[in-house]
Amino acid sequence: MKRMLINATQQEELRVALVDGQRLYDLDIESPGTNRKSEHLQRQNYPY
């Protein structure tokens, strides 16, 4: 099952993760005053 996980508990940072089952395949981190970071994860064997 594909899910989008959003962590906005800290005012300084927003994190969005896309997971398919237990596999993380995309991670976006945004912080004010810094450039947006985006990681498209190619490796398919993440245990997290």
C-alpha atoms as a PDB file:
ATOM      1  CA  MET A   1       0.000   0.000   0.000  1.00  0.00           C
ATOM      2  CA  LYS A   2       1.393   3.404  -0.962  1.00  0.00           C
ATOM      3  CA  ARG A   3       1.299   6.103   1.709  1.00  0.00           C
ATOM      4  CA  MET A   4       2.440   9.688   2.182  1.00  0.00           C
ATOM      5  CA  LEU A   5       3.827  10.445   5.647  1.00  0.00           C
ATOM      6  CA  ILE A   6       4.018  14.092   6.724  1.00  0.00           C
ATOM      7  CA  ASN A   7       5.977  15.345   9.730  1.00  0.00           C
ATOM      8  CA  ALA A   8       5.331  19.006  10.543  1.00  0.00           C
ATOM      9  CA  THR A   9       5.799  18.863  14.311  1.00  0.00           C
ATOM     10  CA  GLN A  10       8.676  21.348  14.220  1.00  0.00           C
ATOM     11  CA  GLN A  11       7.947  24.839  12.952  1.00  0.00           C
ATOM     12  CA  GLU A  12      11.381  25.073  11.301  1.00  0.00           C
ATOM     13  CA  GLU A  13      11.095  21.986   9.109  1.00  0.00           C
ATOM     14  CA  LEU A  14       8.582  20.026   7.023  1.00  0.00           C
ATOM     15  CA  ARG A  15       9.273  16.415   6.034  1.00  0.00           C
ATOM     16  CA  VAL A  16       7.285  14.365   3.535  1.00  0.00           C
ATOM     17  CA  ALA A  17       8.062  10.708   2.847  1.00  0.00           C
ATOM     18  CA  LEU A  18       6.501   8.425   0.246  1.00  0.00           C
ATOM     19  CA  VAL A  19       6.463   4.754   1.150  1.00  0.00           C
ATOM     20  CA  ASP A  20       5.214   1.637  -0.605  1.00  0.00           C
ATOM     21  CA  GLY A  21       4.574  -0.995   2.039  1.00  0.00           C
ATOM     22  CA  GLN A  22       7.723  -0.898   4.168  1.00  0.00           C
ATOM     23  CA  ARG A  23       9.930   0.681   1.471  1.00  0.00           C
ATOM     24  CA  LEU A  24      10.818   4.357   1.438  1.00  0.00           C
ATOM     25  CA  TYR A  25      11.099   5.624  -2.145  1.00  0.00           C
ATOM     26  CA  ASP A  26      11.001   9.433  -1.867  1.00  0.00           C
ATOM     27  CA  LEU A  27      11.872  11.957   0.838  1.00  0.00           C
ATOM     28  CA  ASP A  28      11.354  15.740   0.723  1.00  0.00           C
ATOM     29  CA  ILE A  29      12.627  18.071   3.459  1.00  0.00           C
ATOM     30  CA  GLU A  30      11.819  21.782   3.486  1.00  0.00           C
ATOM     31  CA  SER A  31      13.272  24.370   5.858  1.00  0.00           C
ATOM     32  CA  PRO A  32      12.732  28.145   5.762  1.00  0.00           C
ATOM     33  CA  GLY A  33      15.819  30.009   4.598  1.00  0.00           C
ATOM     34  CA  THR A  34      17.309  26.982   2.854  1.00  0.00           C
ATOM     35  CA  ASN A  35      16.760  25.395  -0.508  1.00  0.00           C
ATOM     36  CA  ARG A  36      14.332  22.552  -0.798  1.00  0.00           C
ATOM     37  CA  LYS A  37      15.974  19.156  -0.536  1.00  0.00           C
ATOM     38  CA  SER A  38      14.553  16.250  -2.476  1.00  0.00           C
ATOM     39  CA  GLU A  39      15.855  12.725  -2.505  1.00  0.00           C
ATOM     40  CA  HIS A  40      14.502  10.195  -4.951  1.00  0.00           C
ATOM     41  CA  LEU A  41      15.745   6.933  -3.560  1.00  0.00           C
ATOM     42  CA  GLN A  42      16.883   4.397  -6.145  1.00  0.00           C
ATOM     43  CA  ARG A  43      17.857   1.560  -3.835  1.00  0.00           C
ATOM     44  CA  GLN A  44      14.889  -0.706  -3.111  1.00  0.00           C
ATOM     45  CA  ASN A  45      16.061  -2.564   0.008  1.00  0.00           C
ATOM     46  CA  TYR A  46      15.585  -0.024   2.805  1.00  0.00           C
ATOM     47  CA  PRO A  47      14.576  -1.778   6.032  1.00  0.00           C
ATOM     48  CA  TYR A  48      12.899   1.345   7.427  1.00  0.00           C
END
